[in-house]
Amino acid sequence: MSAADGALAREALAAEGATAAAPDWLDMGDAMDFTVTGIAAARARAVLEAALPGLDVIVQPAALPRRKALLIADMDSTMITCECIDELADYAGIKAEVAAVTEAAMRGELDFEAALDGRVALLKGMDAAVIDQCRRERVRLMPGATSLVRTMAAHGARSILISGGFTAFARPVGEAIGFEEVRANTLLIENDRLTGKVARPIIDAAAKRAALLAAGIDLPATMAVGDGANDIPMLQAAGLGIAYHAKPKAAAAAHAAVRYGDLTVLLRAQGYRRAEWLA
């Protein structure tokens, strides 16, 4: 980001009748803040996203706590770079079939529970050892994930990893990143093979929102991040809900959308300067 980008932003806002104060660099050439008055947050977001293509824009009310006391996060394609069920399906030779259903479910075109049951049923009979193999070979942490969670924790924030995926992946991922709490679905296994079923109750959109509401943190002091339609209720309930490289419905429903940067953008949103980040 450049000073010229800041000037473009201020000009675009002025054309809407808004006033933008002089920018304050969080880190020179990387990210800047400025206070805006005279325009609604949703309109300011639309104006700035149009004026600054290729840059992430996060607009938030100044009255809300900037540094959040809780982070609640989706896992697949948010805290890790893949969709675990799609990668498991690849070992069974049915990745394309399963991935198509995953994509439709994440876009909000299918019922989440039915789509989950249907995909897991296709894995019936798979050797349970493939789960560990898949995790070792395919699961990679999203850039910025560890810095985000550990920096917030160092400043007193709690963290919950909540996934519509599976505990066999989520627990090790949560531990590696530094999450305080992990919730996910459980694949049922008998005689060392997948039964094709998922334990109840499942983690779905309602469960994600309920976990946020039950965390005991004032909602304005919470941040949620996810990428799919099943994250929307959680994103909307949080003080700051951020859609991360998300499907269109999630990006439109969230308070902000990160389309270009990595998860450290969520530290920028909270006013953390690079010198404060933990690796």
C-alpha atoms as a PDB file:
ATOM      1  CA  MET A   1       0.000   0.000   0.000  1.00  0.00           C
ATOM      2  CA  SER A   2       1.245   3.487  -0.838  1.00  0.00           C
ATOM      3  CA  ALA A   3       0.542   7.055   0.205  1.00  0.00           C
ATOM      4  CA  ALA A   4      -1.138   7.451  -3.196  1.00  0.00           C
ATOM      5  CA  ASP A   5      -3.595   4.705  -2.253  1.00  0.00           C
ATOM      6  CA  GLY A   6      -4.450   6.638   0.896  1.00  0.00           C
ATOM      7  CA  ALA A   7      -5.063   9.763  -1.164  1.00  0.00           C
ATOM      8  CA  LEU A   8      -7.342   7.818  -3.529  1.00  0.00           C
ATOM      9  CA  ALA A   9      -9.298   6.497  -0.577  1.00  0.00           C
ATOM     10  CA  ARG A  10      -9.807   9.935   0.901  1.00  0.00           C
ATOM     11  CA  GLU A  11     -10.874  11.368  -2.477  1.00  0.00           C
ATOM     12  CA  ALA A  12     -13.412   8.573  -2.994  1.00  0.00           C
ATOM     13  CA  LEU A  13     -14.874   9.170   0.457  1.00  0.00           C
ATOM     14  CA  ALA A  14     -14.970  12.931  -0.040  1.00  0.00           C
ATOM     15  CA  ALA A  15     -16.999  12.369  -3.220  1.00  0.00           C
ATOM     16  CA  GLU A  16     -19.600  10.684  -0.994  1.00  0.00           C
ATOM     17  CA  GLY A  17     -19.686  13.662   1.374  1.00  0.00           C
ATOM     18  CA  ALA A  18     -17.579  11.899   4.004  1.00  0.00           C
ATOM     19  CA  THR A  19     -14.534  13.255   5.799  1.00  0.00           C
ATOM     20  CA  ALA A  20     -11.394  11.153   6.283  1.00  0.00           C
ATOM     21  CA  ALA A  21      -8.705  12.250   8.727  1.00  0.00           C
ATOM     22  CA  ALA A  22      -5.029  12.122   7.836  1.00  0.00           C
ATOM     23  CA  PRO A  23      -3.805   8.521   7.659  1.00  0.00           C
ATOM     24  CA  ASP A  24      -1.786   6.835  10.366  1.00  0.00           C
ATOM     25  CA  TRP A  25       0.605   4.152   9.128  1.00  0.00           C
ATOM     26  CA  LEU A  26       0.489   0.932  11.124  1.00  0.00           C
ATOM     27  CA  ASP A  27       3.650  -0.023   9.242  1.00  0.00           C
ATOM     28  CA  MET A  28       4.982   2.190   6.485  1.00  0.00           C
ATOM     29  CA  GLY A  29       4.091   0.925   3.033  1.00  0.00           C
ATOM     30  CA  ASP A  30       2.037  -1.957   4.398  1.00  0.00           C
ATOM     31  CA  ALA A  31      -1.137  -0.873   6.200  1.00  0.00           C
ATOM     32  CA  MET A  32      -2.738   2.382   7.255  1.00  0.00           C
ATOM     33  CA  ASP A  33      -5.609   3.553   9.427  1.00  0.00           C
ATOM     34  CA  PHE A  34      -7.769   6.609   9.052  1.00  0.00           C
ATOM     35  CA  THR A  35     -10.878   7.815  10.839  1.00  0.00           C
ATOM     36  CA  VAL A  36     -13.915   8.519   8.664  1.00  0.00           C
ATOM     37  CA  THR A  37     -17.062  10.460   9.512  1.00  0.00           C
ATOM     38  CA  GLY A  38     -20.225  11.326   7.615  1.00  0.00           C
ATOM     39  CA  ILE A  39     -20.866   7.932   5.983  1.00  0.00           C
ATOM     40  CA  ALA A  40     -22.358   4.583   7.024  1.00  0.00           C
ATOM     41  CA  ALA A  41     -19.912   1.729   7.504  1.00  0.00           C
ATOM     42  CA  ALA A  42     -21.434  -0.466   4.800  1.00  0.00           C
ATOM     43  CA  ARG A  43     -21.311   2.348   2.253  1.00  0.00           C
ATOM     44  CA  ALA A  44     -17.741   3.228   3.234  1.00  0.00           C
ATOM     45  CA  ARG A  45     -16.722  -0.377   2.662  1.00  0.00           C
ATOM     46  CA  ALA A  46     -18.286  -0.430  -0.803  1.00  0.00           C
ATOM     47  CA  VAL A  47     -16.674   2.883  -1.781  1.00  0.00           C
ATOM     48  CA  LEU A  48     -13.222   1.895  -0.544  1.00  0.00           C
ATOM     49  CA  GLU A  49     -13.274  -1.577  -2.089  1.00  0.00           C
ATOM     50  CA  ALA A  50     -14.147   0.005  -5.426  1.00  0.00           C
ATOM     51  CA  ALA A  51     -11.478   2.695  -5.083  1.00  0.00           C
ATOM     52  CA  LEU A  52      -8.699   0.325  -3.970  1.00  0.00           C
ATOM     53  CA  PRO A  53      -8.800  -2.827  -6.117  1.00  0.00           C
ATOM     54  CA  GLY A  54      -6.208  -5.347  -5.027  1.00  0.00           C
ATOM     55  CA  LEU A  55      -6.129  -4.096  -1.431  1.00  0.00           C
ATOM     56  CA  ASP A  56      -7.995  -5.406   1.597  1.00  0.00           C
ATOM     57  CA  VAL A  57     -10.333  -2.918   3.273  1.00  0.00           C
ATOM     58  CA  ILE A  58     -11.763  -3.312   6.761  1.00  0.00           C
ATOM     59  CA  VAL A  59     -14.255  -0.724   8.012  1.00  0.00           C
ATOM     60  CA  GLN A  60     -15.347  -0.920  11.637  1.00  0.00           C
ATOM     61  CA  PRO A  61     -17.150   1.411  14.046  1.00  0.00           C
ATOM     62  CA  ALA A  62     -14.724   3.376  16.193  1.00  0.00           C
ATOM     63  CA  ALA A  63     -16.941   2.814  19.233  1.00  0.00           C
ATOM     64  CA  LEU A  64     -16.257  -0.944  19.278  1.00  0.00           C
ATOM     65  CA  PRO A  65     -13.203  -2.404  21.043  1.00  0.00           C
ATOM     66  CA  ARG A  66     -10.407  -2.492  18.465  1.00  0.00           C
ATOM     67  CA  ARG A  67      -8.424  -5.347  19.996  1.00  0.00           C
ATOM     68  CA  LYS A  68     -10.690  -8.322  20.438  1.00  0.00           C
ATOM     69  CA  ALA A  69     -10.945 -10.570  23.477  1.00  0.00           C
ATOM     70  CA  LEU A  70     -12.088 -13.635  21.514  1.00  0.00           C
ATOM     71  CA  LEU A  71     -11.225 -15.134  18.142  1.00  0.00           C
ATOM     72  CA  ILE A  72     -13.542 -17.861  16.851  1.00  0.00           C
ATOM     73  CA  ALA A  73     -12.407 -19.415  13.588  1.00  0.00           C
ATOM     74  CA  ASP A  74     -13.387 -21.935  10.958  1.00  0.00           C
ATOM     75  CA  MET A  75     -10.663 -24.420   9.981  1.00  0.00           C
ATOM     76  CA  ASP A  76     -10.871 -25.740   6.405  1.00  0.00           C
ATOM     77  CA  SER A  77      -9.747 -23.141   3.844  1.00  0.00           C
ATOM     78  CA  THR A  78      -9.432 -20.644   6.699  1.00  0.00           C
ATOM     79  CA  MET A  79      -6.862 -21.831   9.235  1.00  0.00           C
ATOM     80  CA  ILE A  80      -5.550 -24.494   6.848  1.00  0.00           C
ATOM     81  CA  THR A  81      -5.143 -24.341   3.089  1.00  0.00           C
ATOM     82  CA  CYS A  82      -7.334 -27.303   2.119  1.00  0.00           C
ATOM     83  CA  GLU A  83     -10.718 -28.957   2.629  1.00  0.00           C
ATOM     84  CA  CYS A  84      -9.896 -32.110   4.585  1.00  0.00           C
ATOM     85  CA  ILE A  85     -12.825 -34.179   3.367  1.00  0.00           C
ATOM     86  CA  ASP A  86     -11.848 -33.498  -0.243  1.00  0.00           C
ATOM     87  CA  GLU A  87      -8.298 -34.623   0.450  1.00  0.00           C
ATOM     88  CA  LEU A  88      -9.503 -37.792   2.195  1.00  0.00           C
ATOM     89  CA  ALA A  89     -11.683 -38.502  -0.811  1.00  0.00           C
ATOM     90  CA  ASP A  90      -8.632 -38.236  -3.057  1.00  0.00           C
ATOM     91  CA  TYR A  91      -7.167 -41.317  -1.367  1.00  0.00           C
ATOM     92  CA  ALA A  92     -10.345 -43.148  -2.356  1.00  0.00           C
ATOM     93  CA  GLY A  93     -10.171 -41.853  -5.921  1.00  0.00           C
ATOM     94  CA  ILE A  94     -13.348 -39.758  -5.639  1.00  0.00           C
ATOM     95  CA  LYS A  95     -12.005 -36.260  -4.957  1.00  0.00           C
ATOM     96  CA  ALA A  96     -13.739 -34.558  -7.885  1.00  0.00           C
ATOM     97  CA  GLU A  97     -17.139 -35.941  -6.868  1.00  0.00           C
ATOM     98  CA  VAL A  98     -16.760 -34.978  -3.218  1.00  0.00           C
ATOM     99  CA  ALA A  99     -15.154 -31.592  -3.898  1.00  0.00           C
ATOM    100  CA  ALA A 100     -18.079 -30.573  -6.102  1.00  0.00           C
ATOM    101  CA  VAL A 101     -20.471 -31.197  -3.208  1.00  0.00           C
ATOM    102  CA  THR A 102     -18.163 -29.377  -0.775  1.00  0.00           C
ATOM    103  CA  GLU A 103     -18.043 -26.343  -3.048  1.00  0.00           C
ATOM    104  CA  ALA A 104     -21.827 -26.259  -3.417  1.00  0.00           C
ATOM    105  CA  ALA A 105     -22.328 -26.605   0.338  1.00  0.00           C
ATOM    106  CA  MET A 106     -19.856 -23.830   1.114  1.00  0.00           C
ATOM    107  CA  ARG A 107     -21.591 -21.586  -1.401  1.00  0.00           C
ATOM    108  CA  GLY A 108     -24.866 -22.157   0.457  1.00  0.00           C
ATOM    109  CA  GLU A 109     -26.487 -24.136  -2.336  1.00  0.00           C
ATOM    110  CA  LEU A 110     -26.988 -27.340  -0.321  1.00  0.00           C
ATOM    111  CA  ASP A 111     -28.122 -28.246   3.184  1.00  0.00           C
ATOM    112  CA  PHE A 112     -24.913 -28.560   5.197  1.00  0.00           C
ATOM    113  CA  GLU A 113     -25.879 -31.604   7.275  1.00  0.00           C
ATOM    114  CA  ALA A 114     -27.198 -33.567   4.314  1.00  0.00           C
ATOM    115  CA  ALA A 115     -24.145 -32.689   2.251  1.00  0.00           C
ATOM    116  CA  LEU A 116     -21.831 -33.767   5.081  1.00  0.00           C
ATOM    117  CA  ASP A 117     -23.634 -37.081   5.525  1.00  0.00           C
ATOM    118  CA  GLY A 118     -23.589 -37.761   1.803  1.00  0.00           C
ATOM    119  CA  ARG A 119     -19.869 -37.129   1.441  1.00  0.00           C
ATOM    120  CA  VAL A 120     -18.887 -39.118   4.525  1.00  0.00           C
ATOM    121  CA  ALA A 121     -21.015 -42.060   3.346  1.00  0.00           C
ATOM    122  CA  LEU A 122     -18.797 -42.259   0.268  1.00  0.00           C
ATOM    123  CA  LEU A 123     -15.795 -42.891   2.530  1.00  0.00           C
ATOM    124  CA  LYS A 124     -17.326 -45.975   4.166  1.00  0.00           C
ATOM    125  CA  GLY A 125     -14.769 -48.746   4.538  1.00  0.00           C
ATOM    126  CA  MET A 126     -11.695 -46.529   4.258  1.00  0.00           C
ATOM    127  CA  ASP A 127      -8.800 -47.612   6.461  1.00  0.00           C
ATOM    128  CA  ALA A 128      -8.720 -45.210   9.419  1.00  0.00           C
ATOM    129  CA  ALA A 129      -4.933 -44.993   9.098  1.00  0.00           C
ATOM    130  CA  VAL A 130      -5.479 -42.935   5.944  1.00  0.00           C
ATOM    131  CA  ILE A 131      -6.661 -40.051   8.131  1.00  0.00           C
ATOM    132  CA  ASP A 132      -3.236 -39.633   9.722  1.00  0.00           C
ATOM    133  CA  GLN A 133      -1.554 -40.082   6.354  1.00  0.00           C
ATOM    134  CA  CYS A 134      -3.772 -37.402   4.837  1.00  0.00           C
ATOM    135  CA  ARG A 135      -3.062 -35.001   7.669  1.00  0.00           C
ATOM    136  CA  ARG A 136       0.712 -35.473   7.323  1.00  0.00           C
ATOM    137  CA  GLU A 137       0.759 -35.223   3.550  1.00  0.00           C
ATOM    138  CA  ARG A 138      -1.947 -32.693   2.735  1.00  0.00           C
ATOM    139  CA  VAL A 139      -2.733 -30.375   5.661  1.00  0.00           C
ATOM    140  CA  ARG A 140      -0.791 -27.117   5.736  1.00  0.00           C
ATOM    141  CA  LEU A 141      -1.403 -24.153   8.012  1.00  0.00           C
ATOM    142  CA  MET A 142      -2.686 -20.978   6.389  1.00  0.00           C
ATOM    143  CA  PRO A 143      -0.041 -18.234   6.266  1.00  0.00           C
ATOM    144  CA  GLY A 144      -0.454 -15.957   9.254  1.00  0.00           C
ATOM    145  CA  ALA A 145      -2.537 -18.414  11.303  1.00  0.00           C
ATOM    146  CA  THR A 146      -0.003 -18.946  14.072  1.00  0.00           C
ATOM    147  CA  SER A 147       0.906 -15.258  14.289  1.00  0.00           C
ATOM    148  CA  LEU A 148      -2.768 -14.308  14.528  1.00  0.00           C
ATOM    149  CA  VAL A 149      -3.727 -16.700  17.310  1.00  0.00           C
ATOM    150  CA  ARG A 150      -0.544 -16.439  19.365  1.00  0.00           C
ATOM    151  CA  THR A 151      -0.345 -12.652  19.156  1.00  0.00           C
ATOM    152  CA  MET A 152      -3.921 -12.292  20.327  1.00  0.00           C
ATOM    153  CA  ALA A 153      -3.320 -14.825  23.124  1.00  0.00           C
ATOM    154  CA  ALA A 154      -0.273 -12.880  24.295  1.00  0.00           C
ATOM    155  CA  HIS A 155      -2.585  -9.892  24.761  1.00  0.00           C
ATOM    156  CA  GLY A 156      -5.146 -11.866  26.751  1.00  0.00           C
ATOM    157  CA  ALA A 157      -7.547 -13.031  24.047  1.00  0.00           C
ATOM    158  CA  ARG A 158      -9.237 -16.426  24.029  1.00  0.00           C
ATOM    159  CA  SER A 159      -9.497 -18.551  20.884  1.00  0.00           C
ATOM    160  CA  ILE A 160     -11.852 -21.241  19.617  1.00  0.00           C
ATOM    161  CA  LEU A 161     -11.304 -23.332  16.495  1.00  0.00           C
ATOM    162  CA  ILE A 162     -14.715 -24.596  15.394  1.00  0.00           C
ATOM    163  CA  SER A 163     -15.045 -26.725  12.302  1.00  0.00           C
ATOM    164  CA  GLY A 164     -17.669 -28.529  10.302  1.00  0.00           C
ATOM    165  CA  GLY A 165     -14.765 -30.849   9.491  1.00  0.00           C
ATOM    166  CA  PHE A 166     -13.333 -33.522  11.705  1.00  0.00           C
ATOM    167  CA  THR A 167     -11.666 -33.798  15.100  1.00  0.00           C
ATOM    168  CA  ALA A 168      -8.916 -36.034  13.696  1.00  0.00           C
ATOM    169  CA  PHE A 169      -7.679 -32.994  11.781  1.00  0.00           C
ATOM    170  CA  ALA A 170      -8.898 -30.138  13.972  1.00  0.00           C
ATOM    171  CA  ARG A 171      -7.263 -31.222  17.222  1.00  0.00           C
ATOM    172  CA  PRO A 172      -3.704 -31.410  15.873  1.00  0.00           C
ATOM    173  CA  VAL A 173      -4.242 -28.246  13.819  1.00  0.00           C
ATOM    174  CA  GLY A 174      -5.568 -26.380  16.837  1.00  0.00           C
ATOM    175  CA  GLU A 175      -2.623 -27.483  18.934  1.00  0.00           C
ATOM    176  CA  ALA A 176      -0.103 -26.519  16.264  1.00  0.00           C
ATOM    177  CA  ILE A 177      -1.565 -23.029  15.855  1.00  0.00           C
ATOM    178  CA  GLY A 178      -2.190 -22.402  19.544  1.00  0.00           C
ATOM    179  CA  PHE A 179      -5.987 -22.466  19.882  1.00  0.00           C
ATOM    180  CA  GLU A 180      -7.299 -22.676  23.414  1.00  0.00           C
ATOM    181  CA  GLU A 181     -10.341 -24.765  22.464  1.00  0.00           C
ATOM    182  CA  VAL A 182     -11.201 -27.013  19.502  1.00  0.00           C
ATOM    183  CA  ARG A 183     -14.619 -28.249  18.381  1.00  0.00           C
ATOM    184  CA  ALA A 184     -15.345 -30.344  15.299  1.00  0.00           C
ATOM    185  CA  ASN A 185     -17.264 -33.363  14.049  1.00  0.00           C
ATOM    186  CA  THR A 186     -16.223 -36.938  14.800  1.00  0.00           C
ATOM    187  CA  LEU A 187     -15.889 -39.576  12.094  1.00  0.00           C
ATOM    188  CA  LEU A 188     -17.184 -42.896  13.427  1.00  0.00           C
ATOM    189  CA  ILE A 189     -14.740 -45.793  13.178  1.00  0.00           C
ATOM    190  CA  GLU A 190     -15.255 -49.512  13.752  1.00  0.00           C
ATOM    191  CA  ASN A 191     -12.588 -52.202  13.361  1.00  0.00           C
ATOM    192  CA  ASP A 192     -10.131 -49.552  12.149  1.00  0.00           C
ATOM    193  CA  ARG A 193     -12.347 -48.539   9.236  1.00  0.00           C
ATOM    194  CA  LEU A 194     -14.656 -45.588   8.637  1.00  0.00           C
ATOM    195  CA  THR A 195     -18.316 -46.491   9.051  1.00  0.00           C
ATOM    196  CA  GLY A 196     -19.458 -43.763   6.663  1.00  0.00           C
ATOM    197  CA  LYS A 197     -21.201 -41.891   9.459  1.00  0.00           C
ATOM    198  CA  VAL A 198     -20.608 -38.816  11.626  1.00  0.00           C
ATOM    199  CA  ALA A 199     -21.366 -38.644  15.345  1.00  0.00           C
ATOM    200  CA  ARG A 200     -24.260 -36.439  16.473  1.00  0.00           C
ATOM    201  CA  PRO A 201     -24.825 -33.630  17.156  1.00  0.00           C
ATOM    202  CA  ILE A 202     -22.868 -32.144  14.292  1.00  0.00           C
ATOM    203  CA  ILE A 203     -21.084 -28.819  14.144  1.00  0.00           C
ATOM    204  CA  ASP A 204     -23.085 -26.766  11.668  1.00  0.00           C
ATOM    205  CA  ALA A 205     -23.864 -23.083  11.186  1.00  0.00           C
ATOM    206  CA  ALA A 206     -26.123 -22.933  14.225  1.00  0.00           C
ATOM    207  CA  ALA A 207     -23.527 -24.654  16.416  1.00  0.00           C
ATOM    208  CA  LYS A 208     -20.848 -22.179  15.341  1.00  0.00           C
ATOM    209  CA  ARG A 209     -23.024 -19.211  16.232  1.00  0.00           C
ATOM    210  CA  ALA A 210     -24.041 -20.828  19.525  1.00  0.00           C
ATOM    211  CA  ALA A 211     -20.389 -21.379  20.470  1.00  0.00           C
ATOM    212  CA  LEU A 212     -19.701 -17.689  19.934  1.00  0.00           C
ATOM    213  CA  LEU A 213     -22.708 -16.618  21.989  1.00  0.00           C
ATOM    214  CA  ALA A 214     -21.858 -19.045  24.800  1.00  0.00           C
ATOM    215  CA  ALA A 215     -18.220 -17.953  25.093  1.00  0.00           C
ATOM    216  CA  GLY A 216     -19.050 -15.355  27.731  1.00  0.00           C
ATOM    217  CA  ILE A 217     -17.334 -12.478  25.902  1.00  0.00           C
ATOM    218  CA  ASP A 218     -19.219  -9.275  25.110  1.00  0.00           C
ATOM    219  CA  LEU A 219     -20.018  -9.556  21.409  1.00  0.00           C
ATOM    220  CA  PRO A 220     -18.457  -6.204  20.423  1.00  0.00           C
ATOM    221  CA  ALA A 221     -15.136  -7.618  21.707  1.00  0.00           C
ATOM    222  CA  THR A 222     -15.298 -10.742  19.517  1.00  0.00           C
ATOM    223  CA  MET A 223     -13.882 -11.535  16.094  1.00  0.00           C
ATOM    224  CA  ALA A 224     -15.007 -14.388  13.839  1.00  0.00           C
ATOM    225  CA  VAL A 225     -13.386 -15.610  10.638  1.00  0.00           C
ATOM    226  CA  GLY A 226     -14.536 -18.136   8.055  1.00  0.00           C
ATOM    227  CA  ASP A 227     -15.020 -18.714   4.351  1.00  0.00           C
ATOM    228  CA  GLY A 228     -18.280 -20.567   3.750  1.00  0.00           C
ATOM    229  CA  ALA A 229     -22.027 -20.145   3.964  1.00  0.00           C
ATOM    230  CA  ASN A 230     -22.085 -22.219   7.164  1.00  0.00           C
ATOM    231  CA  ASP A 231     -19.967 -19.500   8.796  1.00  0.00           C
ATOM    232  CA  ILE A 232     -22.393 -16.656   8.047  1.00  0.00           C
ATOM    233  CA  PRO A 233     -24.425 -16.711  11.312  1.00  0.00           C
ATOM    234  CA  MET A 234     -21.180 -16.701  13.317  1.00  0.00           C
ATOM    235  CA  LEU A 235     -19.681 -13.905  11.213  1.00  0.00           C
ATOM    236  CA  GLN A 236     -22.773 -11.746  11.549  1.00  0.00           C
ATOM    237  CA  ALA A 237     -23.081 -12.262  15.315  1.00  0.00           C
ATOM    238  CA  ALA A 238     -19.481 -11.312  16.095  1.00  0.00           C
ATOM    239  CA  GLY A 239     -18.350  -7.795  16.822  1.00  0.00           C
ATOM    240  CA  LEU A 240     -16.184  -8.066  13.705  1.00  0.00           C
ATOM    241  CA  GLY A 241     -16.932 -10.885  11.272  1.00  0.00           C
ATOM    242  CA  ILE A 242     -14.335 -11.336   8.550  1.00  0.00           C
ATOM    243  CA  ALA A 243     -14.834 -13.497   5.466  1.00  0.00           C
ATOM    244  CA  TYR A 244     -11.435 -14.901   4.490  1.00  0.00           C
ATOM    245  CA  HIS A 245     -10.874 -15.646   0.775  1.00  0.00           C
ATOM    246  CA  ALA A 246     -14.502 -16.613   1.009  1.00  0.00           C
ATOM    247  CA  LYS A 247     -17.405 -17.759  -1.089  1.00  0.00           C
ATOM    248  CA  PRO A 248     -19.546 -14.861  -2.400  1.00  0.00           C
ATOM    249  CA  LYS A 249     -22.403 -15.243   0.104  1.00  0.00           C
ATOM    250  CA  ALA A 250     -20.030 -15.200   3.059  1.00  0.00           C
ATOM    251  CA  ALA A 251     -18.058 -12.244   1.700  1.00  0.00           C
ATOM    252  CA  ALA A 252     -21.245 -10.231   1.202  1.00  0.00           C
ATOM    253  CA  ALA A 253     -22.705 -11.121   4.614  1.00  0.00           C
ATOM    254  CA  ALA A 254     -19.616 -10.454   6.730  1.00  0.00           C
ATOM    255  CA  HIS A 255     -18.576  -7.065   8.074  1.00  0.00           C
ATOM    256  CA  ALA A 256     -15.386  -7.252   6.008  1.00  0.00           C
ATOM    257  CA  ALA A 257     -13.750  -9.495   3.422  1.00  0.00           C
ATOM    258  CA  VAL A 258     -10.057 -10.353   3.149  1.00  0.00           C
ATOM    259  CA  ARG A 259      -9.460 -11.208  -0.497  1.00  0.00           C
ATOM    260  CA  TYR A 260      -5.740 -10.622  -1.030  1.00  0.00           C
ATOM    261  CA  GLY A 261      -3.678 -10.814   2.158  1.00  0.00           C
ATOM    262  CA  ASP A 262      -3.082 -13.611   4.632  1.00  0.00           C
ATOM    263  CA  LEU A 263      -4.428 -13.995   8.154  1.00  0.00           C
ATOM    264  CA  THR A 264      -2.163 -11.276   9.537  1.00  0.00           C
ATOM    265  CA  VAL A 265      -4.657  -8.833   7.990  1.00  0.00           C
ATOM    266  CA  LEU A 266      -6.800  -9.701  11.026  1.00  0.00           C
ATOM    267  CA  LEU A 267      -4.000  -8.398  13.249  1.00  0.00           C
ATOM    268  CA  ARG A 268      -3.909  -5.201  11.182  1.00  0.00           C
ATOM    269  CA  ALA A 269      -7.653  -4.877  11.696  1.00  0.00           C
ATOM    270  CA  GLN A 270      -7.035  -4.827  15.435  1.00  0.00           C
ATOM    271  CA  GLY A 271      -4.295  -2.215  15.239  1.00  0.00           C
ATOM    272  CA  TYR A 272      -1.374  -4.550  15.896  1.00  0.00           C
ATOM    273  CA  ARG A 273       1.871  -3.312  14.386  1.00  0.00           C
ATOM    274  CA  ARG A 274       4.307  -5.837  12.925  1.00  0.00           C
ATOM    275  CA  ALA A 275       6.698  -5.409  15.861  1.00  0.00           C
ATOM    276  CA  GLU A 276       3.982  -6.821  18.127  1.00  0.00           C
ATOM    277  CA  TRP A 277       3.350 -10.010  16.118  1.00  0.00           C
ATOM    278  CA  LEU A 278       4.467 -13.354  17.471  1.00  0.00           C
ATOM    279  CA  ALA A 279       5.863 -15.823  14.962  1.00  0.00           C
END
